[in-house]
Amino acid sequence: MSAISKQPEPPTPDESVLNDLETLLIALELHPMFMRQSFKILRANLREMKADHLPPEIKALKERFAVMPEAELHAAWGALHNPFRLHDRVLN
């Protein structure tokens, strides 16, 4: 009998991580609500995009997410695509 090893599911991202990622993506004009891009393109943009023109706090977020492990970033990216995440928000 052979056991099939299964990769553990990454934990659901904390709301603060999602908020930080959303802030970064809006600042970089890469938010999934506005841009239809694959995760691979997001990952490449975070790693390769020049950050010289960005405010320090956005630059720090970019660096943080650029080095985040693939599974964690993918989980956060997927959570931003979840329409139920926004169900309680109201536009004023």
N, C-alpha and C. Protein backbone atom coordinates (compact mmCIF):
# COMPACT_ATOMS: atom_id res chain seq x y z
N MET A 1 0.84 -1.15 0.00
CA MET A 1 0.00 0.00 0.00
C MET A 1 0.90 1.24 0.00
N SER A 2 0.69 2.12 -0.95
CA SER A 2 1.52 3.32 -1.01
C SER A 2 0.69 4.54 -0.63
N ALA A 3 1.29 5.37 0.14
CA ALA A 3 0.61 6.60 0.57
C ALA A 3 0.94 7.70 -0.42
N ILE A 4 -0.07 8.35 -0.89
CA ILE A 4 0.13 9.49 -1.79
C ILE A 4 0.32 10.72 -0.93
N SER A 5 1.47 11.36 -1.12
CA SER A 5 1.73 12.55 -0.31
C SER A 5 1.01 13.74 -0.94
N LYS A 6 0.28 14.43 -0.13
CA LYS A 6 -0.52 15.56 -0.59
C LYS A 6 0.04 16.82 0.06
N GLN A 7 0.21 17.85 -0.76
CA GLN A 7 0.70 19.12 -0.24
C GLN A 7 -0.37 19.71 0.68
N PRO A 8 0.03 20.20 1.84
CA PRO A 8 -0.97 20.81 2.72
C PRO A 8 -1.52 22.10 2.10
N GLU A 9 -2.78 22.34 2.35
CA GLU A 9 -3.41 23.56 1.86
C GLU A 9 -2.83 24.74 2.64
N PRO A 10 -2.53 25.85 1.94
CA PRO A 10 -2.06 27.02 2.68
C PRO A 10 -3.21 27.55 3.53
N PRO A 11 -2.89 28.15 4.66
CA PRO A 11 -3.96 28.69 5.51
C PRO A 11 -4.69 29.82 4.80
N THR A 12 -5.94 30.02 5.18
CA THR A 12 -6.69 31.15 4.63
C THR A 12 -5.99 32.42 5.07
N PRO A 13 -5.72 33.31 4.12
CA PRO A 13 -4.99 34.54 4.49
C PRO A 13 -5.77 35.38 5.49
N ASP A 14 -5.05 35.97 6.40
CA ASP A 14 -5.61 36.89 7.38
C ASP A 14 -6.15 38.11 6.64
N GLU A 15 -7.19 38.71 7.18
CA GLU A 15 -7.81 39.89 6.54
C GLU A 15 -6.79 41.02 6.37
N SER A 16 -5.86 41.16 7.32
CA SER A 16 -4.87 42.23 7.20
C SER A 16 -3.94 41.99 6.00
N VAL A 17 -3.63 40.71 5.73
CA VAL A 17 -2.81 40.38 4.55
C VAL A 17 -3.57 40.73 3.28
N LEU A 18 -4.85 40.37 3.26
CA LEU A 18 -5.67 40.70 2.08
C LEU A 18 -5.78 42.20 1.88
N ASN A 19 -5.96 42.94 2.96
CA ASN A 19 -6.04 44.39 2.85
C ASN A 19 -4.73 44.98 2.33
N ASP A 20 -3.61 44.47 2.83
CA ASP A 20 -2.31 44.96 2.35
C ASP A 20 -2.10 44.62 0.88
N LEU A 21 -2.44 43.40 0.48
CA LEU A 21 -2.29 43.02 -0.92
C LEU A 21 -3.21 43.86 -1.80
N GLU A 22 -4.43 44.08 -1.34
CA GLU A 22 -5.37 44.89 -2.11
C GLU A 22 -4.86 46.32 -2.26
N THR A 23 -4.34 46.89 -1.18
CA THR A 23 -3.77 48.24 -1.23
C THR A 23 -2.64 48.30 -2.24
N LEU A 24 -1.75 47.31 -2.21
CA LEU A 24 -0.63 47.27 -3.14
C LEU A 24 -1.12 47.17 -4.58
N LEU A 25 -2.05 46.27 -4.83
CA LEU A 25 -2.51 46.05 -6.21
C LEU A 25 -3.26 47.26 -6.75
N ILE A 26 -3.99 47.96 -5.91
CA ILE A 26 -4.66 49.18 -6.35
C ILE A 26 -3.62 50.24 -6.68
N ALA A 27 -2.61 50.40 -5.82
CA ALA A 27 -1.55 51.39 -6.06
C ALA A 27 -0.78 51.09 -7.35
N LEU A 28 -0.60 49.81 -7.65
CA LEU A 28 0.14 49.41 -8.86
C LEU A 28 -0.78 49.25 -10.07
N GLU A 29 -2.07 49.52 -9.87
CA GLU A 29 -3.08 49.36 -10.92
C GLU A 29 -3.10 47.93 -11.45
N LEU A 30 -3.01 46.97 -10.53
CA LEU A 30 -3.01 45.54 -10.88
C LEU A 30 -4.14 44.79 -10.17
N HIS A 31 -5.10 45.49 -9.62
CA HIS A 31 -6.16 44.83 -8.85
C HIS A 31 -6.96 43.89 -9.75
N PRO A 32 -7.28 42.69 -9.27
CA PRO A 32 -8.00 41.73 -10.11
C PRO A 32 -9.38 42.21 -10.55
N MET A 33 -9.96 43.17 -9.82
CA MET A 33 -11.26 43.68 -10.23
C MET A 33 -11.12 44.50 -11.53
N PHE A 34 -9.93 45.05 -11.77
CA PHE A 34 -9.72 45.90 -12.93
C PHE A 34 -8.87 45.24 -14.00
N MET A 35 -8.03 44.32 -13.60
CA MET A 35 -7.10 43.68 -14.53
C MET A 35 -7.36 42.19 -14.58
N ARG A 36 -7.49 41.65 -15.75
CA ARG A 36 -7.61 40.20 -15.91
C ARG A 36 -6.23 39.68 -16.23
N GLN A 37 -5.52 39.27 -15.22
CA GLN A 37 -4.18 38.74 -15.41
C GLN A 37 -4.04 37.45 -14.63
N SER A 38 -3.14 36.64 -15.08
CA SER A 38 -2.92 35.38 -14.39
C SER A 38 -2.04 35.61 -13.17
N PHE A 39 -2.02 34.61 -12.31
CA PHE A 39 -1.17 34.67 -11.12
C PHE A 39 0.30 34.78 -11.53
N LYS A 40 0.70 34.08 -12.59
CA LYS A 40 2.10 34.12 -13.03
C LYS A 40 2.50 35.54 -13.42
N ILE A 41 1.59 36.27 -14.06
CA ILE A 41 1.89 37.65 -14.44
C ILE A 41 2.00 38.52 -13.19
N LEU A 42 1.10 38.30 -12.23
CA LEU A 42 1.19 39.04 -10.97
C LEU A 42 2.54 38.80 -10.31
N ARG A 43 2.93 37.53 -10.20
CA ARG A 43 4.20 37.18 -9.56
C ARG A 43 5.36 37.87 -10.28
N ALA A 44 5.37 37.82 -11.60
CA ALA A 44 6.44 38.46 -12.37
C ALA A 44 6.45 39.96 -12.15
N ASN A 45 5.28 40.58 -12.15
CA ASN A 45 5.21 42.03 -11.92
C ASN A 45 5.75 42.40 -10.55
N LEU A 46 5.39 41.63 -9.53
CA LEU A 46 5.86 41.95 -8.19
C LEU A 46 7.37 41.81 -8.07
N ARG A 47 7.93 40.87 -8.78
CA ARG A 47 9.38 40.66 -8.70
C ARG A 47 10.17 41.63 -9.57
N GLU A 48 9.64 42.00 -10.73
CA GLU A 48 10.43 42.74 -11.72
C GLU A 48 10.09 44.21 -11.84
N MET A 49 8.92 44.63 -11.40
CA MET A 49 8.50 46.01 -11.56
C MET A 49 9.42 46.93 -10.76
N LYS A 50 9.86 48.00 -11.40
CA LYS A 50 10.69 48.99 -10.71
C LYS A 50 9.84 49.72 -9.67
N ALA A 51 10.40 49.94 -8.50
CA ALA A 51 9.65 50.54 -7.40
C ALA A 51 10.17 51.92 -7.02
N ASP A 52 11.06 52.47 -7.82
CA ASP A 52 11.68 53.76 -7.47
C ASP A 52 10.66 54.88 -7.30
N HIS A 53 9.60 54.87 -8.09
CA HIS A 53 8.62 55.95 -8.07
C HIS A 53 7.54 55.78 -7.00
N LEU A 54 7.55 54.67 -6.30
CA LEU A 54 6.50 54.37 -5.33
C LEU A 54 6.78 55.00 -3.97
N PRO A 55 5.72 55.38 -3.24
CA PRO A 55 5.91 55.85 -1.87
C PRO A 55 6.52 54.72 -1.03
N PRO A 56 7.25 55.06 0.02
CA PRO A 56 7.94 54.04 0.83
C PRO A 56 7.04 52.93 1.34
N GLU A 57 5.82 53.25 1.79
CA GLU A 57 4.94 52.21 2.32
C GLU A 57 4.48 51.24 1.23
N ILE A 58 4.28 51.72 0.02
CA ILE A 58 3.88 50.85 -1.09
C ILE A 58 5.08 50.03 -1.56
N LYS A 59 6.24 50.66 -1.56
CA LYS A 59 7.47 49.93 -1.91
C LYS A 59 7.71 48.78 -0.94
N ALA A 60 7.47 49.03 0.35
CA ALA A 60 7.65 47.97 1.36
C ALA A 60 6.64 46.84 1.15
N LEU A 61 5.40 47.18 0.82
CA LEU A 61 4.41 46.14 0.53
C LEU A 61 4.81 45.32 -0.70
N LYS A 62 5.29 45.98 -1.73
CA LYS A 62 5.72 45.29 -2.95
C LYS A 62 6.83 44.29 -2.62
N GLU A 63 7.80 44.74 -1.85
CA GLU A 63 8.92 43.86 -1.48
C GLU A 63 8.43 42.68 -0.63
N ARG A 64 7.51 42.96 0.27
CA ARG A 64 6.96 41.90 1.15
C ARG A 64 6.26 40.81 0.32
N PHE A 65 5.41 41.23 -0.61
CA PHE A 65 4.67 40.25 -1.39
C PHE A 65 5.52 39.62 -2.49
N ALA A 66 6.56 40.30 -2.94
CA ALA A 66 7.44 39.73 -3.96
C ALA A 66 8.20 38.51 -3.44
N VAL A 67 8.49 38.50 -2.14
CA VAL A 67 9.24 37.37 -1.55
C VAL A 67 8.34 36.38 -0.80
N MET A 68 7.05 36.65 -0.78
CA MET A 68 6.12 35.74 -0.09
C MET A 68 6.13 34.39 -0.79
N PRO A 69 6.09 33.30 -0.02
CA PRO A 69 6.04 31.97 -0.64
C PRO A 69 4.88 31.86 -1.63
N GLU A 70 5.13 31.15 -2.70
CA GLU A 70 4.17 31.00 -3.80
C GLU A 70 2.77 30.60 -3.33
N ALA A 71 2.68 29.60 -2.47
CA ALA A 71 1.38 29.11 -2.02
C ALA A 71 0.61 30.17 -1.22
N GLU A 72 1.32 30.92 -0.39
CA GLU A 72 0.66 31.96 0.41
C GLU A 72 0.16 33.10 -0.47
N LEU A 73 0.99 33.54 -1.40
CA LEU A 73 0.58 34.61 -2.30
C LEU A 73 -0.58 34.16 -3.17
N HIS A 74 -0.52 32.93 -3.65
CA HIS A 74 -1.61 32.42 -4.49
C HIS A 74 -2.92 32.35 -3.70
N ALA A 75 -2.86 31.96 -2.44
CA ALA A 75 -4.06 31.91 -1.60
C ALA A 75 -4.64 33.31 -1.40
N ALA A 76 -3.79 34.28 -1.17
CA ALA A 76 -4.26 35.67 -0.99
C ALA A 76 -4.83 36.20 -2.30
N TRP A 77 -4.16 35.92 -3.40
CA TRP A 77 -4.63 36.34 -4.73
C TRP A 77 -6.01 35.74 -5.01
N GLY A 78 -6.16 34.47 -4.71
CA GLY A 78 -7.45 33.81 -4.91
C GLY A 78 -8.53 34.40 -4.03
N ALA A 79 -8.19 34.75 -2.80
CA ALA A 79 -9.17 35.33 -1.88
C ALA A 79 -9.66 36.69 -2.38
N LEU A 80 -8.79 37.44 -3.04
CA LEU A 80 -9.22 38.73 -3.59
C LEU A 80 -10.25 38.55 -4.70
N HIS A 81 -10.23 37.41 -5.36
CA HIS A 81 -11.19 37.12 -6.44
C HIS A 81 -12.54 36.63 -5.89
N ASN A 82 -12.62 36.38 -4.60
CA ASN A 82 -13.83 35.84 -4.00
C ASN A 82 -14.89 36.94 -3.86
N PRO A 83 -16.00 36.85 -4.59
CA PRO A 83 -17.02 37.91 -4.52
C PRO A 83 -17.68 38.01 -3.15
N PHE A 84 -17.68 36.92 -2.36
CA PHE A 84 -18.29 36.96 -1.04
C PHE A 84 -17.48 37.79 -0.05
N ARG A 85 -16.21 38.02 -0.37
CA ARG A 85 -15.37 38.84 0.49
C ARG A 85 -15.89 40.27 0.57
N LEU A 86 -16.55 40.72 -0.48
CA LEU A 86 -17.00 42.11 -0.55
C LEU A 86 -18.47 42.27 -0.25
N HIS A 87 -19.15 41.20 0.15
CA HIS A 87 -20.61 41.25 0.30
C HIS A 87 -21.10 42.26 1.32
N ASP A 88 -20.31 42.58 2.32
CA ASP A 88 -20.77 43.50 3.34
C ASP A 88 -20.27 44.93 3.15
N ARG A 89 -19.57 45.17 2.07
CA ARG A 89 -19.08 46.53 1.81
C ARG A 89 -20.14 47.33 1.07
N VAL A 90 -20.21 48.62 1.38
CA VAL A 90 -21.20 49.50 0.77
C VAL A 90 -20.48 50.70 0.18
N LEU A 91 -20.86 51.05 -1.04
CA LEU A 91 -20.32 52.26 -1.65
C LEU A 91 -21.08 53.46 -1.12
N ASN A 92 -20.36 54.51 -0.74
CA ASN A 92 -21.01 55.73 -0.26
C ASN A 92 -20.97 56.78 -1.33
